[in-house]
Every structure is written in structure tokens, then in C-alpha cells.
Amino acid sequence: MDELIAPDGTKHGDPIPGSKFCRAFCERCGEPMRVHAERLNRPNMCGDCDPPHMGVGNPRTNLTGIDKDPDAYGRAR
């Protein structure tokens, strides 16, 4: 299988330039995501493949700037 590369040139596990996050990819569809370093070796899925659970304490996040790509913690709009 070919190694996935995000539009910014980062591969799985690479630090994202200008961000505190590292690059990961959705386990199901391969969409680039950003995650904390400690989540790199866990299964990560994007909001389309694993929609957020709309329960108590689950706010939607608007992301801007360098961290506007989707991740396991909020989906950029």
C-alpha cells in the first residue's frame, strides 16, 4: 500500500508545521487529520466515518488558521 501524504506534505506521525499536532489519517477513508502525539498509534477516524456523538458536553469546534484541517476533536467548517 502507498504511504498517505497530506496536502501540506506531511506523512503519518510527522509534526504539522506551526501546530502542536501531528499528522494522522482516517483509518477508513484516508482523510488527513491532526492528532496529539499520544494518539498516533490509536485508531483514528474522521467525522464523516465516525460522526460525533451529540450528547452532553460535546461542543462543535470552529477551527481556523494552521489547524483548520479536520481532526479527531472537531471538524473544520
N, C-alpha and C. Protein backbone atom coordinates (compact mmCIF):
# COMPACT_ATOMS: atom_id res chain seq x y z
N MET A 1 0.83 -1.18 0.00
CA MET A 1 0.00 0.00 0.00
C MET A 1 0.88 1.25 0.00
N ASP A 2 0.48 2.26 -0.77
CA ASP A 2 1.23 3.51 -0.82
C ASP A 2 1.05 4.27 0.48
N GLU A 3 2.12 4.94 0.89
CA GLU A 3 2.03 5.76 2.09
C GLU A 3 1.23 7.02 1.80
N LEU A 4 0.30 7.34 2.69
CA LEU A 4 -0.54 8.52 2.51
C LEU A 4 0.25 9.78 2.83
N ILE A 5 0.01 10.82 2.02
CA ILE A 5 0.66 12.12 2.22
C ILE A 5 -0.42 13.19 2.18
N ALA A 6 -0.44 14.06 3.20
CA ALA A 6 -1.41 15.16 3.28
C ALA A 6 -1.03 16.25 2.27
N PRO A 7 -1.98 17.14 1.93
CA PRO A 7 -1.67 18.24 1.00
C PRO A 7 -0.49 19.12 1.43
N ASP A 8 -0.23 19.20 2.75
CA ASP A 8 0.91 20.01 3.21
C ASP A 8 2.22 19.23 3.17
N GLY A 9 2.20 18.00 2.66
CA GLY A 9 3.41 17.19 2.51
C GLY A 9 3.74 16.32 3.70
N THR A 10 2.95 16.37 4.76
CA THR A 10 3.23 15.57 5.95
C THR A 10 2.71 14.14 5.78
N LYS A 11 3.41 13.21 6.41
CA LYS A 11 3.04 11.80 6.42
C LYS A 11 2.62 11.42 7.84
N HIS A 12 2.10 10.22 8.01
CA HIS A 12 1.65 9.77 9.32
C HIS A 12 2.78 9.92 10.35
N GLY A 13 2.46 10.59 11.45
CA GLY A 13 3.41 10.78 12.54
C GLY A 13 4.24 12.03 12.45
N ASP A 14 4.26 12.70 11.29
CA ASP A 14 5.04 13.93 11.15
C ASP A 14 4.41 15.05 11.98
N PRO A 15 5.24 15.89 12.60
CA PRO A 15 4.68 17.09 13.24
C PRO A 15 4.15 18.02 12.15
N ILE A 16 3.03 18.67 12.40
CA ILE A 16 2.47 19.61 11.44
C ILE A 16 3.13 20.96 11.69
N PRO A 17 3.77 21.53 10.67
CA PRO A 17 4.48 22.80 10.86
C PRO A 17 3.55 23.89 11.40
N GLY A 18 4.00 24.57 12.46
CA GLY A 18 3.23 25.65 13.06
C GLY A 18 2.10 25.20 13.95
N SER A 19 2.03 23.90 14.26
CA SER A 19 0.93 23.35 15.06
C SER A 19 1.49 22.49 16.17
N LYS A 20 0.69 22.30 17.22
CA LYS A 20 1.10 21.40 18.30
C LYS A 20 0.70 19.96 18.00
N PHE A 21 0.05 19.72 16.85
CA PHE A 21 -0.45 18.40 16.50
C PHE A 21 0.46 17.68 15.52
N CYS A 22 0.21 16.37 15.39
CA CYS A 22 0.93 15.53 14.43
C CYS A 22 -0.07 15.02 13.39
N ARG A 23 0.45 14.58 12.24
CA ARG A 23 -0.40 14.11 11.16
C ARG A 23 -0.83 12.65 11.39
N ALA A 24 -2.08 12.40 11.14
CA ALA A 24 -2.64 11.05 11.12
C ALA A 24 -3.63 11.01 9.96
N PHE A 25 -4.11 9.84 9.64
CA PHE A 25 -5.07 9.67 8.56
C PHE A 25 -6.23 8.80 9.05
N CYS A 26 -7.42 9.09 8.55
CA CYS A 26 -8.59 8.31 8.92
C CYS A 26 -8.36 6.85 8.55
N GLU A 27 -8.65 5.96 9.49
CA GLU A 27 -8.46 4.53 9.27
C GLU A 27 -9.36 3.99 8.16
N ARG A 28 -10.51 4.63 7.95
CA ARG A 28 -11.48 4.12 6.98
C ARG A 28 -11.31 4.74 5.60
N CYS A 29 -11.25 6.09 5.51
CA CYS A 29 -11.24 6.74 4.19
C CYS A 29 -9.90 7.37 3.81
N GLY A 30 -8.99 7.50 4.76
CA GLY A 30 -7.67 8.06 4.47
C GLY A 30 -7.58 9.57 4.51
N GLU A 31 -8.64 10.26 4.99
CA GLU A 31 -8.61 11.72 5.07
C GLU A 31 -7.54 12.17 6.06
N PRO A 32 -6.73 13.20 5.71
CA PRO A 32 -5.73 13.69 6.65
C PRO A 32 -6.40 14.32 7.87
N MET A 33 -5.84 14.04 9.04
CA MET A 33 -6.33 14.59 10.30
C MET A 33 -5.14 15.03 11.12
N ARG A 34 -5.41 15.80 12.16
CA ARG A 34 -4.36 16.18 13.09
C ARG A 34 -4.72 15.60 14.45
N VAL A 35 -3.74 15.07 15.14
CA VAL A 35 -3.96 14.46 16.45
C VAL A 35 -2.80 14.80 17.37
N HIS A 36 -3.05 14.69 18.68
CA HIS A 36 -1.95 14.81 19.64
C HIS A 36 -1.03 13.61 19.46
N ALA A 37 0.24 13.79 19.74
CA ALA A 37 1.25 12.74 19.53
C ALA A 37 0.88 11.43 20.22
N GLU A 38 0.26 11.51 21.40
CA GLU A 38 -0.07 10.27 22.12
C GLU A 38 -1.19 9.47 21.44
N ARG A 39 -1.89 10.05 20.47
CA ARG A 39 -2.96 9.35 19.75
C ARG A 39 -2.51 8.75 18.41
N LEU A 40 -1.24 8.88 18.08
CA LEU A 40 -0.75 8.42 16.78
C LEU A 40 -0.93 6.93 16.56
N ASN A 41 -0.76 6.13 17.57
CA ASN A 41 -0.83 4.68 17.40
C ASN A 41 -2.18 4.10 17.77
N ARG A 42 -3.18 4.96 17.89
CA ARG A 42 -4.56 4.52 18.13
C ARG A 42 -5.34 4.62 16.83
N PRO A 43 -6.42 3.86 16.69
CA PRO A 43 -7.27 4.05 15.50
C PRO A 43 -7.91 5.43 15.54
N ASN A 44 -7.80 6.17 14.45
CA ASN A 44 -8.40 7.50 14.33
C ASN A 44 -9.31 7.51 13.12
N MET A 45 -10.51 8.06 13.30
CA MET A 45 -11.44 8.17 12.18
C MET A 45 -11.97 9.59 12.10
N CYS A 46 -12.22 10.05 10.88
CA CYS A 46 -12.71 11.41 10.66
C CYS A 46 -14.19 11.51 11.05
N GLY A 47 -14.71 12.72 11.07
CA GLY A 47 -16.09 12.96 11.44
C GLY A 47 -17.10 12.36 10.48
N ASP A 48 -16.72 12.13 9.22
CA ASP A 48 -17.64 11.50 8.27
C ASP A 48 -17.74 10.00 8.53
N CYS A 49 -16.63 9.37 8.83
CA CYS A 49 -16.62 7.91 9.06
C CYS A 49 -17.08 7.54 10.47
N ASP A 50 -16.88 8.43 11.43
CA ASP A 50 -17.31 8.22 12.81
C ASP A 50 -17.90 9.53 13.31
N PRO A 51 -19.17 9.80 12.96
CA PRO A 51 -19.78 11.09 13.32
C PRO A 51 -19.72 11.34 14.82
N PRO A 52 -19.57 12.62 15.21
CA PRO A 52 -19.54 12.95 16.63
C PRO A 52 -20.84 12.57 17.32
N HIS A 53 -20.73 12.14 18.53
CA HIS A 53 -21.90 11.78 19.33
C HIS A 53 -22.44 13.07 19.93
N MET A 54 -23.67 13.37 19.65
CA MET A 54 -24.24 14.65 20.07
C MET A 54 -24.88 14.54 21.45
N GLY A 55 -24.06 14.25 22.43
CA GLY A 55 -24.54 14.14 23.80
C GLY A 55 -24.11 15.33 24.61
N VAL A 56 -24.32 15.26 25.89
CA VAL A 56 -23.94 16.34 26.79
C VAL A 56 -22.43 16.50 26.79
N GLY A 57 -21.99 17.76 26.73
CA GLY A 57 -20.56 18.03 26.81
C GLY A 57 -19.79 17.79 25.54
N ASN A 58 -20.44 17.81 24.39
CA ASN A 58 -19.74 17.59 23.14
C ASN A 58 -19.91 18.80 22.22
N PRO A 59 -19.19 19.90 22.49
CA PRO A 59 -19.35 21.10 21.68
C PRO A 59 -18.75 20.92 20.29
N ARG A 60 -19.29 21.63 19.32
CA ARG A 60 -18.73 21.65 17.98
C ARG A 60 -17.65 22.72 17.97
N THR A 61 -16.56 22.47 17.28
CA THR A 61 -15.43 23.38 17.28
C THR A 61 -15.26 24.02 15.91
N ASN A 62 -15.05 25.32 15.88
CA ASN A 62 -14.68 26.01 14.64
C ASN A 62 -13.18 26.22 14.69
N LEU A 63 -12.48 25.67 13.71
CA LEU A 63 -11.03 25.76 13.67
C LEU A 63 -10.61 26.75 12.60
N THR A 64 -9.54 27.48 12.87
CA THR A 64 -9.04 28.45 11.91
C THR A 64 -7.53 28.35 11.82
N GLY A 65 -6.97 29.02 10.87
CA GLY A 65 -5.52 29.10 10.75
C GLY A 65 -4.88 27.79 10.36
N ILE A 66 -3.69 27.55 10.88
CA ILE A 66 -2.89 26.39 10.52
C ILE A 66 -3.60 25.08 10.90
N ASP A 67 -4.45 25.13 11.94
CA ASP A 67 -5.12 23.93 12.42
C ASP A 67 -6.55 23.80 11.89
N LYS A 68 -6.83 24.25 10.66
CA LYS A 68 -8.19 24.20 10.17
C LYS A 68 -8.57 22.86 9.53
N ASP A 69 -7.63 21.93 9.40
CA ASP A 69 -7.99 20.64 8.83
C ASP A 69 -8.71 19.79 9.88
N PRO A 70 -9.53 18.83 9.44
CA PRO A 70 -10.32 18.05 10.40
C PRO A 70 -9.44 17.17 11.29
N ASP A 71 -9.95 16.87 12.44
CA ASP A 71 -9.20 16.00 13.34
C ASP A 71 -10.16 15.22 14.21
N ALA A 72 -9.62 14.50 15.15
CA ALA A 72 -10.43 13.65 16.00
C ALA A 72 -11.16 14.44 17.07
N TYR A 73 -10.94 15.74 17.17
CA TYR A 73 -11.52 16.54 18.24
C TYR A 73 -12.55 17.54 17.77
N GLY A 74 -12.64 17.81 16.49
CA GLY A 74 -13.58 18.77 15.95
C GLY A 74 -13.43 18.81 14.44
N ARG A 75 -14.44 19.22 13.76
CA ARG A 75 -14.40 19.20 12.30
C ARG A 75 -14.40 20.65 11.80
N ALA A 76 -13.43 20.98 10.97
CA ALA A 76 -13.36 22.33 10.40
C ALA A 76 -14.54 22.57 9.49
N ARG A 77 -15.07 23.76 9.52
CA ARG A 77 -16.20 24.14 8.66
C ARG A 77 -15.85 25.36 7.88
